N, C-alpha and C. Protein backbone atom coordinates (compact mmCIF):
# COMPACT_ATOMS: atom_id res chain seq x y z
N MET A 1 21.09 5.50 7.25
CA MET A 1 20.09 4.52 6.83
C MET A 1 20.58 3.11 7.10
N ARG A 2 19.75 2.32 7.72
CA ARG A 2 20.10 0.93 8.00
C ARG A 2 20.01 0.10 6.73
N SER A 3 20.82 -0.97 6.69
CA SER A 3 20.73 -1.90 5.57
C SER A 3 19.54 -2.82 5.79
N LEU A 4 19.03 -3.36 4.70
CA LEU A 4 17.95 -4.34 4.81
C LEU A 4 18.46 -5.58 5.54
N PRO A 5 17.61 -6.22 6.33
CA PRO A 5 18.09 -7.27 7.22
C PRO A 5 18.39 -8.59 6.51
N THR A 6 19.50 -9.20 6.91
CA THR A 6 19.77 -10.57 6.48
C THR A 6 18.91 -11.49 7.33
N GLY A 7 18.68 -12.69 6.85
CA GLY A 7 17.87 -13.63 7.61
C GLY A 7 16.38 -13.41 7.48
N THR A 8 15.97 -12.54 6.57
CA THR A 8 14.55 -12.31 6.34
C THR A 8 13.90 -13.58 5.80
N GLU A 9 12.74 -13.94 6.38
CA GLU A 9 12.08 -15.19 6.00
C GLU A 9 10.78 -14.99 5.22
N ALA A 10 10.30 -13.75 5.13
CA ALA A 10 9.10 -13.45 4.35
C ALA A 10 9.09 -11.97 4.03
N VAL A 11 8.42 -11.62 2.93
CA VAL A 11 8.30 -10.22 2.52
C VAL A 11 6.83 -9.93 2.22
N VAL A 12 6.34 -8.83 2.78
CA VAL A 12 4.94 -8.43 2.57
C VAL A 12 4.93 -7.03 1.97
N PHE A 13 4.27 -6.90 0.83
CA PHE A 13 4.23 -5.64 0.10
C PHE A 13 2.86 -4.98 0.24
N ASP A 14 2.87 -3.65 0.38
CA ASP A 14 1.68 -2.87 0.13
C ASP A 14 1.45 -2.89 -1.39
N CYS A 15 0.31 -2.39 -1.84
CA CYS A 15 0.03 -2.38 -3.28
C CYS A 15 -0.01 -0.97 -3.84
N ASP A 16 -1.03 -0.20 -3.50
CA ASP A 16 -1.25 1.11 -4.11
C ASP A 16 -0.12 2.08 -3.79
N GLY A 17 0.49 2.62 -4.84
CA GLY A 17 1.54 3.59 -4.65
C GLY A 17 2.89 2.99 -4.32
N LEU A 18 2.94 1.68 -4.13
CA LEU A 18 4.19 0.99 -3.82
C LEU A 18 4.54 0.03 -4.94
N LEU A 19 3.64 -0.89 -5.26
CA LEU A 19 3.83 -1.80 -6.38
C LEU A 19 3.21 -1.28 -7.66
N VAL A 20 2.05 -0.68 -7.54
CA VAL A 20 1.25 -0.28 -8.70
C VAL A 20 0.95 1.21 -8.65
N GLY A 21 1.03 1.85 -9.80
CA GLY A 21 0.81 3.29 -9.88
C GLY A 21 -0.64 3.68 -9.82
N THR A 22 -1.35 3.14 -8.87
CA THR A 22 -2.79 3.42 -8.74
C THR A 22 -3.06 4.73 -8.02
N GLU A 23 -2.05 5.32 -7.38
CA GLU A 23 -2.32 6.58 -6.68
C GLU A 23 -2.78 7.66 -7.66
N ASP A 24 -2.35 7.55 -8.92
CA ASP A 24 -2.86 8.48 -9.93
C ASP A 24 -4.37 8.31 -10.10
N CYS A 25 -4.82 7.06 -10.11
CA CYS A 25 -6.26 6.78 -10.22
C CYS A 25 -7.00 7.38 -9.03
N TRP A 26 -6.46 7.14 -7.84
CA TRP A 26 -7.09 7.68 -6.64
C TRP A 26 -7.08 9.20 -6.65
N SER A 27 -5.98 9.79 -7.09
CA SER A 27 -5.88 11.25 -7.08
C SER A 27 -6.86 11.90 -8.04
N VAL A 28 -7.06 11.29 -9.21
CA VAL A 28 -8.04 11.81 -10.16
C VAL A 28 -9.43 11.80 -9.51
N ALA A 29 -9.76 10.68 -8.86
CA ALA A 29 -11.06 10.55 -8.21
C ALA A 29 -11.20 11.54 -7.06
N GLU A 30 -10.16 11.66 -6.25
CA GLU A 30 -10.20 12.56 -5.10
C GLU A 30 -10.28 14.02 -5.55
N THR A 31 -9.53 14.36 -6.58
CA THR A 31 -9.56 15.73 -7.10
C THR A 31 -10.96 16.12 -7.54
N ALA A 32 -11.65 15.18 -8.22
CA ALA A 32 -13.01 15.45 -8.69
C ALA A 32 -13.96 15.68 -7.52
N ILE A 33 -13.82 14.90 -6.47
CA ILE A 33 -14.70 15.05 -5.31
C ILE A 33 -14.43 16.37 -4.60
N PHE A 34 -13.16 16.70 -4.43
CA PHE A 34 -12.82 17.98 -3.80
C PHE A 34 -13.34 19.14 -4.64
N ALA A 35 -13.17 19.05 -5.95
CA ALA A 35 -13.63 20.12 -6.83
C ALA A 35 -15.14 20.31 -6.73
N ALA A 36 -15.87 19.20 -6.62
CA ALA A 36 -17.32 19.27 -6.51
C ALA A 36 -17.75 19.99 -5.24
N HIS A 37 -16.84 20.04 -4.26
CA HIS A 37 -17.13 20.74 -3.01
C HIS A 37 -16.42 22.10 -2.96
N GLY A 38 -15.93 22.53 -4.13
CA GLY A 38 -15.30 23.84 -4.20
C GLY A 38 -13.97 23.93 -3.49
N ARG A 39 -13.29 22.80 -3.38
CA ARG A 39 -12.03 22.77 -2.65
C ARG A 39 -10.87 22.39 -3.57
N PRO A 40 -9.69 22.95 -3.35
CA PRO A 40 -8.51 22.55 -4.13
C PRO A 40 -8.02 21.18 -3.64
N PHE A 41 -7.22 20.54 -4.46
CA PHE A 41 -6.65 19.25 -4.07
C PHE A 41 -5.17 19.25 -4.40
N GLY A 42 -4.34 19.31 -3.37
CA GLY A 42 -2.90 19.29 -3.53
C GLY A 42 -2.26 18.33 -2.55
N ALA A 43 -0.98 18.53 -2.27
CA ALA A 43 -0.25 17.60 -1.41
C ALA A 43 -0.85 17.52 0.00
N ALA A 44 -1.28 18.64 0.54
CA ALA A 44 -1.84 18.63 1.89
C ALA A 44 -3.14 17.85 1.94
N GLN A 45 -3.96 17.98 0.90
CA GLN A 45 -5.22 17.25 0.85
C GLN A 45 -4.97 15.77 0.59
N LYS A 46 -3.98 15.46 -0.25
CA LYS A 46 -3.64 14.06 -0.50
C LYS A 46 -3.20 13.37 0.78
N ALA A 47 -2.48 14.10 1.61
CA ALA A 47 -2.01 13.53 2.87
C ALA A 47 -3.15 13.15 3.80
N LEU A 48 -4.31 13.78 3.62
CA LEU A 48 -5.47 13.46 4.45
C LEU A 48 -6.03 12.08 4.14
N VAL A 49 -5.85 11.62 2.91
CA VAL A 49 -6.54 10.40 2.48
C VAL A 49 -5.62 9.26 2.05
N ILE A 50 -4.36 9.53 1.75
CA ILE A 50 -3.48 8.50 1.20
C ILE A 50 -3.29 7.36 2.19
N GLY A 51 -3.38 6.14 1.67
CA GLY A 51 -3.17 4.96 2.49
C GLY A 51 -4.36 4.52 3.31
N ARG A 52 -5.41 5.33 3.33
CA ARG A 52 -6.58 5.00 4.14
C ARG A 52 -7.52 4.06 3.41
N THR A 53 -8.38 3.39 4.15
CA THR A 53 -9.45 2.62 3.53
C THR A 53 -10.44 3.58 2.88
N LEU A 54 -11.30 3.03 2.05
CA LEU A 54 -12.36 3.84 1.45
C LEU A 54 -13.19 4.53 2.53
N GLU A 55 -13.54 3.78 3.55
CA GLU A 55 -14.39 4.31 4.62
C GLU A 55 -13.69 5.44 5.36
N ALA A 56 -12.41 5.23 5.68
CA ALA A 56 -11.66 6.25 6.41
C ALA A 56 -11.42 7.48 5.54
N ALA A 57 -11.16 7.26 4.25
CA ALA A 57 -10.96 8.39 3.35
C ALA A 57 -12.26 9.18 3.21
N GLY A 58 -13.38 8.47 3.10
CA GLY A 58 -14.67 9.14 3.02
C GLY A 58 -14.95 9.99 4.24
N GLN A 59 -14.63 9.46 5.42
CA GLN A 59 -14.86 10.22 6.65
C GLN A 59 -13.92 11.41 6.75
N ALA A 60 -12.64 11.22 6.31
CA ALA A 60 -11.69 12.34 6.33
C ALA A 60 -12.16 13.46 5.41
N MET A 61 -12.68 13.10 4.24
CA MET A 61 -13.18 14.12 3.33
C MET A 61 -14.42 14.79 3.91
N ALA A 62 -15.30 14.01 4.51
CA ALA A 62 -16.51 14.58 5.11
C ALA A 62 -16.16 15.60 6.19
N ASN A 63 -15.18 15.27 7.01
CA ASN A 63 -14.76 16.20 8.06
C ASN A 63 -14.14 17.46 7.45
N HIS A 64 -13.35 17.25 6.41
CA HIS A 64 -12.69 18.38 5.75
C HIS A 64 -13.70 19.32 5.09
N PHE A 65 -14.77 18.73 4.56
CA PHE A 65 -15.79 19.53 3.89
C PHE A 65 -16.83 20.11 4.86
N GLY A 66 -16.70 19.77 6.13
CA GLY A 66 -17.69 20.21 7.10
C GLY A 66 -19.00 19.47 6.95
N ARG A 67 -18.92 18.20 6.50
CA ARG A 67 -20.11 17.36 6.33
C ARG A 67 -19.90 16.05 7.09
N PRO A 68 -19.81 16.08 8.41
CA PRO A 68 -19.42 14.91 9.19
C PRO A 68 -20.32 13.69 9.02
N GLY A 69 -21.55 13.87 8.57
CA GLY A 69 -22.43 12.72 8.38
C GLY A 69 -22.39 12.13 7.00
N ALA A 70 -21.51 12.66 6.13
CA ALA A 70 -21.50 12.25 4.72
C ALA A 70 -20.40 11.26 4.38
N GLY A 71 -19.76 10.67 5.39
CA GLY A 71 -18.63 9.78 5.14
C GLY A 71 -18.95 8.61 4.22
N ALA A 72 -20.05 7.93 4.50
CA ALA A 72 -20.42 6.75 3.70
C ALA A 72 -20.74 7.14 2.26
N GLU A 73 -21.44 8.25 2.10
CA GLU A 73 -21.78 8.73 0.76
C GLU A 73 -20.52 9.06 -0.04
N LEU A 74 -19.58 9.74 0.58
CA LEU A 74 -18.34 10.10 -0.11
C LEU A 74 -17.48 8.88 -0.39
N ALA A 75 -17.47 7.91 0.53
CA ALA A 75 -16.72 6.68 0.29
C ALA A 75 -17.29 5.92 -0.90
N ALA A 76 -18.60 5.88 -1.02
CA ALA A 76 -19.24 5.20 -2.16
C ALA A 76 -18.91 5.91 -3.46
N GLU A 77 -18.91 7.23 -3.44
CA GLU A 77 -18.55 7.99 -4.64
C GLU A 77 -17.10 7.76 -5.01
N LEU A 78 -16.23 7.72 -4.01
CA LEU A 78 -14.81 7.48 -4.25
C LEU A 78 -14.60 6.10 -4.87
N LEU A 79 -15.27 5.09 -4.35
CA LEU A 79 -15.17 3.74 -4.90
C LEU A 79 -15.56 3.73 -6.37
N GLU A 80 -16.67 4.34 -6.71
CA GLU A 80 -17.14 4.33 -8.08
C GLU A 80 -16.16 5.05 -9.01
N ARG A 81 -15.64 6.17 -8.55
CA ARG A 81 -14.70 6.92 -9.39
C ARG A 81 -13.38 6.17 -9.57
N VAL A 82 -12.87 5.56 -8.50
CA VAL A 82 -11.62 4.80 -8.60
C VAL A 82 -11.82 3.57 -9.48
N ARG A 83 -12.97 2.92 -9.35
CA ARG A 83 -13.29 1.77 -10.19
C ARG A 83 -13.19 2.14 -11.67
N LYS A 84 -13.76 3.29 -12.03
CA LYS A 84 -13.73 3.73 -13.43
C LYS A 84 -12.31 4.05 -13.88
N GLU A 85 -11.52 4.68 -13.00
CA GLU A 85 -10.15 5.01 -13.37
C GLU A 85 -9.30 3.75 -13.53
N LEU A 86 -9.48 2.79 -12.63
CA LEU A 86 -8.72 1.54 -12.72
C LEU A 86 -9.06 0.75 -13.97
N ALA A 87 -10.30 0.88 -14.44
CA ALA A 87 -10.71 0.18 -15.66
C ALA A 87 -9.90 0.63 -16.86
N ARG A 88 -9.32 1.84 -16.77
CA ARG A 88 -8.48 2.35 -17.86
C ARG A 88 -7.07 1.77 -17.79
N GLY A 89 -6.74 1.13 -16.67
CA GLY A 89 -5.45 0.48 -16.53
C GLY A 89 -4.50 1.19 -15.59
N ALA A 90 -3.68 0.43 -14.93
CA ALA A 90 -2.63 0.95 -14.06
C ALA A 90 -1.39 0.10 -14.27
N THR A 91 -0.23 0.72 -14.19
CA THR A 91 1.02 0.02 -14.48
C THR A 91 1.82 -0.22 -13.21
N ALA A 92 2.67 -1.24 -13.28
CA ALA A 92 3.59 -1.50 -12.17
C ALA A 92 4.59 -0.35 -12.07
N LEU A 93 4.93 0.02 -10.86
CA LEU A 93 5.92 1.06 -10.64
C LEU A 93 7.33 0.52 -10.89
N PRO A 94 8.30 1.39 -11.18
CA PRO A 94 9.66 0.93 -11.51
C PRO A 94 10.23 -0.03 -10.47
N GLY A 95 10.70 -1.16 -10.95
CA GLY A 95 11.33 -2.15 -10.10
C GLY A 95 10.38 -3.10 -9.40
N ALA A 96 9.07 -2.84 -9.47
CA ALA A 96 8.12 -3.64 -8.69
C ALA A 96 8.09 -5.10 -9.14
N VAL A 97 7.91 -5.33 -10.42
CA VAL A 97 7.81 -6.70 -10.92
C VAL A 97 9.10 -7.46 -10.64
N GLU A 98 10.21 -6.82 -10.90
CA GLU A 98 11.51 -7.48 -10.71
C GLU A 98 11.74 -7.83 -9.25
N LEU A 99 11.39 -6.93 -8.34
CA LEU A 99 11.61 -7.20 -6.92
C LEU A 99 10.66 -8.27 -6.40
N VAL A 100 9.41 -8.21 -6.80
CA VAL A 100 8.46 -9.24 -6.39
C VAL A 100 8.92 -10.62 -6.87
N ARG A 101 9.33 -10.71 -8.11
CA ARG A 101 9.79 -12.00 -8.66
C ARG A 101 11.04 -12.49 -7.94
N ALA A 102 11.97 -11.58 -7.66
CA ALA A 102 13.21 -11.97 -6.99
C ALA A 102 12.95 -12.45 -5.57
N CYS A 103 12.08 -11.76 -4.84
CA CYS A 103 11.75 -12.18 -3.48
C CYS A 103 10.99 -13.51 -3.49
N ARG A 104 10.05 -13.63 -4.40
CA ARG A 104 9.21 -14.83 -4.48
C ARG A 104 10.04 -16.08 -4.77
N ALA A 105 11.14 -15.91 -5.48
CA ALA A 105 11.99 -17.05 -5.82
C ALA A 105 12.75 -17.57 -4.60
N ARG A 106 12.79 -16.76 -3.54
CA ARG A 106 13.61 -17.12 -2.39
C ARG A 106 12.83 -17.38 -1.11
N VAL A 107 11.78 -16.59 -0.88
CA VAL A 107 11.02 -16.69 0.38
C VAL A 107 9.54 -16.49 0.09
N PRO A 108 8.66 -16.86 1.03
CA PRO A 108 7.23 -16.58 0.84
C PRO A 108 6.97 -15.07 0.79
N ILE A 109 6.05 -14.67 -0.07
CA ILE A 109 5.67 -13.26 -0.15
C ILE A 109 4.15 -13.13 -0.11
N ALA A 110 3.70 -11.92 0.19
CA ALA A 110 2.27 -11.61 0.18
C ALA A 110 2.10 -10.13 -0.09
N VAL A 111 0.86 -9.76 -0.41
CA VAL A 111 0.48 -8.36 -0.54
C VAL A 111 -0.58 -8.07 0.51
N ALA A 112 -0.43 -6.96 1.24
CA ALA A 112 -1.39 -6.54 2.25
C ALA A 112 -1.83 -5.12 1.92
N SER A 113 -3.08 -4.97 1.55
CA SER A 113 -3.56 -3.69 1.01
C SER A 113 -4.75 -3.14 1.77
N ASN A 114 -4.81 -1.83 1.87
CA ASN A 114 -5.97 -1.17 2.48
C ASN A 114 -7.09 -0.94 1.47
N SER A 115 -6.91 -1.40 0.24
CA SER A 115 -7.99 -1.36 -0.74
C SER A 115 -8.93 -2.55 -0.51
N PRO A 116 -10.19 -2.43 -0.93
CA PRO A 116 -11.06 -3.60 -0.89
C PRO A 116 -10.61 -4.62 -1.93
N ARG A 117 -11.06 -5.85 -1.76
CA ARG A 117 -10.64 -6.94 -2.65
C ARG A 117 -10.82 -6.61 -4.12
N GLU A 118 -11.94 -6.03 -4.47
CA GLU A 118 -12.23 -5.70 -5.87
C GLU A 118 -11.13 -4.84 -6.48
N LEU A 119 -10.75 -3.77 -5.78
CA LEU A 119 -9.75 -2.85 -6.32
C LEU A 119 -8.34 -3.43 -6.24
N LEU A 120 -8.06 -4.21 -5.21
CA LEU A 120 -6.76 -4.85 -5.09
C LEU A 120 -6.51 -5.80 -6.26
N ASP A 121 -7.47 -6.66 -6.55
CA ASP A 121 -7.31 -7.60 -7.66
C ASP A 121 -7.18 -6.87 -8.99
N ALA A 122 -7.96 -5.81 -9.17
CA ALA A 122 -7.90 -5.05 -10.41
C ALA A 122 -6.53 -4.43 -10.60
N ALA A 123 -5.96 -3.91 -9.52
CA ALA A 123 -4.65 -3.28 -9.61
C ALA A 123 -3.56 -4.30 -9.92
N LEU A 124 -3.56 -5.43 -9.22
CA LEU A 124 -2.54 -6.46 -9.46
C LEU A 124 -2.66 -7.05 -10.85
N GLU A 125 -3.88 -7.24 -11.31
CA GLU A 125 -4.11 -7.77 -12.66
C GLU A 125 -3.63 -6.78 -13.71
N SER A 126 -3.99 -5.53 -13.56
CA SER A 126 -3.63 -4.52 -14.54
C SER A 126 -2.12 -4.36 -14.66
N ALA A 127 -1.42 -4.49 -13.54
CA ALA A 127 0.02 -4.29 -13.52
C ALA A 127 0.81 -5.54 -13.88
N GLY A 128 0.14 -6.64 -14.13
CA GLY A 128 0.83 -7.88 -14.47
C GLY A 128 1.51 -8.54 -13.30
N LEU A 129 1.01 -8.28 -12.10
CA LEU A 129 1.63 -8.83 -10.89
C LEU A 129 0.86 -9.99 -10.29
N ILE A 130 -0.37 -10.17 -10.67
CA ILE A 130 -1.22 -11.12 -9.97
C ILE A 130 -0.69 -12.55 -10.07
N GLU A 131 -0.03 -12.88 -11.15
CA GLU A 131 0.49 -14.25 -11.32
C GLU A 131 1.63 -14.56 -10.36
N TYR A 132 2.27 -13.53 -9.82
CA TYR A 132 3.39 -13.74 -8.91
C TYR A 132 2.98 -13.69 -7.44
N VAL A 133 1.73 -13.33 -7.19
CA VAL A 133 1.27 -13.14 -5.80
C VAL A 133 0.26 -14.23 -5.44
N SER A 134 0.72 -15.22 -4.70
CA SER A 134 -0.15 -16.32 -4.29
C SER A 134 -1.04 -15.95 -3.11
N TYR A 135 -0.56 -15.02 -2.30
CA TYR A 135 -1.32 -14.62 -1.11
C TYR A 135 -1.48 -13.10 -1.11
N SER A 136 -2.71 -12.66 -1.00
CA SER A 136 -2.98 -11.23 -0.86
C SER A 136 -4.13 -11.05 0.12
N PHE A 137 -4.10 -9.92 0.83
CA PHE A 137 -5.05 -9.66 1.89
C PHE A 137 -5.56 -8.24 1.73
N ALA A 138 -6.88 -8.08 1.73
CA ALA A 138 -7.52 -6.80 1.47
C ALA A 138 -8.18 -6.24 2.73
N ALA A 139 -8.46 -4.93 2.68
CA ALA A 139 -9.00 -4.25 3.86
C ALA A 139 -10.33 -4.81 4.32
N ASP A 140 -11.13 -5.28 3.36
CA ASP A 140 -12.45 -5.80 3.72
C ASP A 140 -12.43 -7.25 4.16
N GLU A 141 -11.23 -7.77 4.41
CA GLU A 141 -11.09 -9.17 4.84
C GLU A 141 -10.53 -9.30 6.26
N VAL A 142 -10.33 -8.18 6.94
CA VAL A 142 -9.86 -8.20 8.34
C VAL A 142 -10.78 -7.33 9.19
N CYS A 143 -10.75 -7.56 10.49
CA CYS A 143 -11.60 -6.77 11.38
C CYS A 143 -11.20 -5.31 11.40
N SER A 144 -9.90 -5.06 11.45
CA SER A 144 -9.40 -3.68 11.53
C SER A 144 -8.28 -3.51 10.52
N PRO A 145 -8.50 -2.75 9.45
CA PRO A 145 -7.45 -2.53 8.44
C PRO A 145 -6.38 -1.57 8.95
N LYS A 146 -5.44 -1.22 8.10
CA LYS A 146 -4.39 -0.28 8.47
C LYS A 146 -5.01 1.04 8.91
N PRO A 147 -4.50 1.68 9.97
CA PRO A 147 -3.19 1.49 10.61
C PRO A 147 -3.13 0.40 11.69
N ALA A 148 -4.21 -0.32 11.92
CA ALA A 148 -4.15 -1.46 12.83
C ALA A 148 -3.21 -2.53 12.24
N PRO A 149 -2.67 -3.41 13.05
CA PRO A 149 -1.69 -4.40 12.56
C PRO A 149 -2.29 -5.62 11.89
N ASP A 150 -3.63 -5.73 11.86
CA ASP A 150 -4.29 -6.97 11.46
C ASP A 150 -3.83 -7.51 10.10
N LEU A 151 -3.73 -6.65 9.10
CA LEU A 151 -3.37 -7.12 7.76
C LEU A 151 -1.99 -7.76 7.75
N TYR A 152 -1.04 -7.13 8.40
CA TYR A 152 0.31 -7.69 8.42
C TYR A 152 0.40 -8.93 9.31
N LEU A 153 -0.30 -8.92 10.43
CA LEU A 153 -0.31 -10.12 11.27
C LEU A 153 -0.94 -11.30 10.56
N THR A 154 -2.02 -11.04 9.83
CA THR A 154 -2.67 -12.11 9.07
C THR A 154 -1.75 -12.65 7.99
N ALA A 155 -1.08 -11.76 7.28
CA ALA A 155 -0.17 -12.20 6.23
C ALA A 155 0.95 -13.06 6.80
N CYS A 156 1.54 -12.64 7.88
CA CYS A 156 2.63 -13.42 8.48
C CYS A 156 2.14 -14.77 8.99
N GLU A 157 0.94 -14.78 9.56
CA GLU A 157 0.38 -16.04 10.05
C GLU A 157 0.16 -17.02 8.91
N VAL A 158 -0.41 -16.55 7.82
CA VAL A 158 -0.66 -17.43 6.67
C VAL A 158 0.66 -17.89 6.04
N LEU A 159 1.64 -17.01 5.99
CA LEU A 159 2.94 -17.39 5.42
C LEU A 159 3.75 -18.28 6.36
N GLY A 160 3.34 -18.34 7.63
CA GLY A 160 4.02 -19.19 8.60
C GLY A 160 5.35 -18.63 9.08
N VAL A 161 5.46 -17.31 9.11
CA VAL A 161 6.71 -16.65 9.49
C VAL A 161 6.41 -15.62 10.57
N ALA A 162 7.27 -15.52 11.57
CA ALA A 162 7.09 -14.53 12.62
C ALA A 162 7.27 -13.13 12.06
N PRO A 163 6.46 -12.17 12.50
CA PRO A 163 6.62 -10.80 12.01
C PRO A 163 8.05 -10.26 12.14
N LYS A 164 8.73 -10.59 13.23
CA LYS A 164 10.07 -10.06 13.44
C LYS A 164 11.08 -10.61 12.45
N ARG A 165 10.71 -11.66 11.72
CA ARG A 165 11.57 -12.22 10.68
C ARG A 165 11.09 -11.82 9.29
N SER A 166 10.20 -10.84 9.22
CA SER A 166 9.58 -10.43 7.97
C SER A 166 9.86 -8.95 7.68
N VAL A 167 9.82 -8.61 6.39
CA VAL A 167 10.00 -7.23 5.97
C VAL A 167 8.73 -6.74 5.29
N ALA A 168 8.27 -5.56 5.67
CA ALA A 168 7.15 -4.90 5.02
C ALA A 168 7.67 -3.78 4.14
N PHE A 169 7.16 -3.70 2.92
CA PHE A 169 7.44 -2.57 2.04
C PHE A 169 6.21 -1.69 1.99
N GLU A 170 6.37 -0.41 2.33
CA GLU A 170 5.26 0.52 2.42
C GLU A 170 5.59 1.86 1.79
N ASP A 171 4.52 2.66 1.55
CA ASP A 171 4.71 3.99 0.97
C ASP A 171 4.01 5.10 1.74
N SER A 172 3.12 4.76 2.67
CA SER A 172 2.33 5.79 3.35
C SER A 172 2.44 5.66 4.86
N ALA A 173 2.16 6.76 5.55
CA ALA A 173 2.23 6.76 7.01
C ALA A 173 1.25 5.77 7.62
N THR A 174 0.07 5.63 6.99
CA THR A 174 -0.93 4.68 7.49
C THR A 174 -0.41 3.25 7.44
N GLY A 175 0.18 2.89 6.30
CA GLY A 175 0.72 1.55 6.16
C GLY A 175 1.92 1.30 7.04
N ILE A 176 2.77 2.32 7.16
CA ILE A 176 3.95 2.20 8.02
C ILE A 176 3.53 1.93 9.46
N ALA A 177 2.52 2.65 9.93
CA ALA A 177 2.03 2.45 11.30
C ALA A 177 1.53 1.03 11.49
N SER A 178 0.86 0.48 10.49
CA SER A 178 0.35 -0.89 10.55
C SER A 178 1.49 -1.90 10.65
N ALA A 179 2.47 -1.76 9.77
CA ALA A 179 3.60 -2.70 9.77
C ALA A 179 4.39 -2.58 11.07
N ARG A 180 4.57 -1.36 11.54
CA ARG A 180 5.32 -1.15 12.78
C ARG A 180 4.59 -1.81 13.95
N ALA A 181 3.27 -1.61 14.01
CA ALA A 181 2.48 -2.19 15.10
C ALA A 181 2.52 -3.71 15.09
N ALA A 182 2.65 -4.29 13.89
CA ALA A 182 2.69 -5.75 13.77
C ALA A 182 4.07 -6.32 14.07
N GLY A 183 5.09 -5.46 14.11
CA GLY A 183 6.42 -5.91 14.48
C GLY A 183 7.32 -6.29 13.34
N LEU A 184 6.98 -5.87 12.11
CA LEU A 184 7.82 -6.16 10.96
C LEU A 184 8.91 -5.09 10.82
N TYR A 185 9.99 -5.45 10.15
CA TYR A 185 10.98 -4.47 9.69
C TYR A 185 10.30 -3.65 8.59
N VAL A 186 10.46 -2.33 8.61
CA VAL A 186 9.71 -1.46 7.73
C VAL A 186 10.62 -0.80 6.69
N ALA A 187 10.46 -1.19 5.44
CA ALA A 187 11.18 -0.58 4.31
C ALA A 187 10.21 0.35 3.60
N VAL A 188 10.63 1.57 3.34
CA VAL A 188 9.72 2.60 2.86
C VAL A 188 10.22 3.24 1.56
N VAL A 189 9.31 3.31 0.58
CA VAL A 189 9.50 4.13 -0.61
C VAL A 189 8.31 5.08 -0.65
N PRO A 190 8.46 6.29 -0.11
CA PRO A 190 7.29 7.15 0.10
C PRO A 190 6.65 7.64 -1.19
N SER A 191 5.32 7.68 -1.19
CA SER A 191 4.57 8.23 -2.31
C SER A 191 4.58 9.75 -2.29
N LEU A 192 4.58 10.32 -1.08
CA LEU A 192 4.58 11.77 -0.92
C LEU A 192 5.92 12.22 -0.38
N PRO A 193 6.46 13.32 -0.92
CA PRO A 193 7.72 13.82 -0.40
C PRO A 193 7.53 14.36 1.01
N GLY A 194 8.61 14.33 1.76
CA GLY A 194 8.53 14.84 3.12
C GLY A 194 9.67 14.32 3.96
N THR A 195 9.80 14.83 5.13
CA THR A 195 10.87 14.42 6.03
C THR A 195 10.27 13.85 7.30
N GLY A 196 11.07 13.08 8.00
CA GLY A 196 10.65 12.56 9.29
C GLY A 196 9.74 11.35 9.22
N ILE A 197 9.60 10.74 8.05
CA ILE A 197 8.73 9.56 7.94
C ILE A 197 9.39 8.38 8.64
N ASP A 198 8.63 7.64 9.42
CA ASP A 198 9.13 6.49 10.16
C ASP A 198 9.61 5.42 9.18
N HIS A 199 10.77 4.84 9.45
CA HIS A 199 11.29 3.79 8.57
C HIS A 199 12.47 3.08 9.24
N ASP A 200 12.74 1.88 8.76
CA ASP A 200 14.00 1.20 9.06
C ASP A 200 14.95 1.33 7.87
N TRP A 201 14.38 1.21 6.68
CA TRP A 201 15.13 1.44 5.43
C TRP A 201 14.31 2.40 4.59
N LEU A 202 14.96 3.36 3.96
CA LEU A 202 14.26 4.37 3.16
C LEU A 202 14.90 4.46 1.79
N GLY A 203 14.07 4.39 0.74
CA GLY A 203 14.57 4.49 -0.62
C GLY A 203 13.69 5.38 -1.46
N THR A 204 14.12 5.61 -2.69
CA THR A 204 13.37 6.46 -3.60
C THR A 204 12.61 5.66 -4.65
N SER A 205 12.92 4.37 -4.79
CA SER A 205 12.29 3.54 -5.82
C SER A 205 12.55 2.07 -5.51
N LEU A 206 11.64 1.22 -5.96
CA LEU A 206 11.87 -0.23 -5.84
C LEU A 206 12.91 -0.71 -6.84
N ALA A 207 13.34 0.17 -7.73
CA ALA A 207 14.35 -0.19 -8.73
C ALA A 207 15.77 0.03 -8.23
N GLU A 208 15.95 0.45 -6.99
CA GLU A 208 17.29 0.65 -6.48
C GLU A 208 18.06 -0.67 -6.49
N PRO A 209 19.27 -0.68 -7.04
CA PRO A 209 20.04 -1.93 -7.17
C PRO A 209 20.21 -2.68 -5.86
N GLU A 210 20.31 -1.96 -4.76
CA GLU A 210 20.47 -2.60 -3.45
C GLU A 210 19.36 -3.60 -3.16
N LEU A 211 18.15 -3.30 -3.63
CA LEU A 211 17.01 -4.16 -3.32
C LEU A 211 17.12 -5.51 -4.02
N LEU A 212 17.49 -5.52 -5.28
CA LEU A 212 17.63 -6.79 -5.99
C LEU A 212 18.80 -7.60 -5.45
N GLU A 213 19.88 -6.93 -5.06
CA GLU A 213 21.00 -7.63 -4.45
C GLU A 213 20.56 -8.31 -3.16
N TRP A 214 19.81 -7.57 -2.35
CA TRP A 214 19.29 -8.13 -1.09
C TRP A 214 18.35 -9.29 -1.36
N ALA A 215 17.43 -9.12 -2.32
CA ALA A 215 16.47 -10.18 -2.63
C ALA A 215 17.16 -11.44 -3.11
N GLY A 216 18.22 -11.26 -3.88
CA GLY A 216 18.94 -12.42 -4.41
C GLY A 216 19.64 -13.24 -3.35
N ALA A 217 19.86 -12.63 -2.18
CA ALA A 217 20.55 -13.33 -1.09
C ALA A 217 19.58 -13.89 -0.06
N LEU A 218 18.28 -13.66 -0.24
CA LEU A 218 17.30 -14.18 0.72
C LEU A 218 17.32 -15.71 0.72
N GLY A 219 17.05 -16.26 1.88
CA GLY A 219 16.95 -17.71 1.98
C GLY A 219 18.26 -18.43 2.09
N GLN A 220 19.36 -17.69 2.10
CA GLN A 220 20.66 -18.34 2.21
C GLN A 220 21.04 -18.56 3.67
């Protein structure tokens, strides 16, 4: 495993499943939709939708259910169900607040999420992170969301830092592909277990001591 890079000038975080434990909210909603179609929902089914936009997740479910024309309908149902789950609250994942604060004290940071603005703000607010995030970018604010590079390129442009001098923290293959395409260093804390996931740095939690040590040295 490579060490996190020295000389990093900006850090861009994913949100769902990386900073905030919203994947539980999404999984509850997804499980209900799969059940309504008489289908089980486990790790293989989660892999079909994790990290995707609402629209892409809706289309993936439609294809899986043999209803290729129902993508928009399923995406709308997913939005409504996730909205209700998020209203019950979501918490920051271990180490998330501490790492965001430590990075923010040293270099510009941003959040780049494949959620729509409504759900992104709800997640950051619920987890107590919104006060530390001055810049955030949502899927419905770019022409092409993840896995396209647009979200990360936009974040780097606004922060005024070249992608090659920036680090992306991600948890899903969709987000990793986006960060890689944009040219950022890719640090990964995967939401789903598995092997062979693309990464430059790989960890099990944002609470790993190495991360705070690295963050404390940023900007030097």
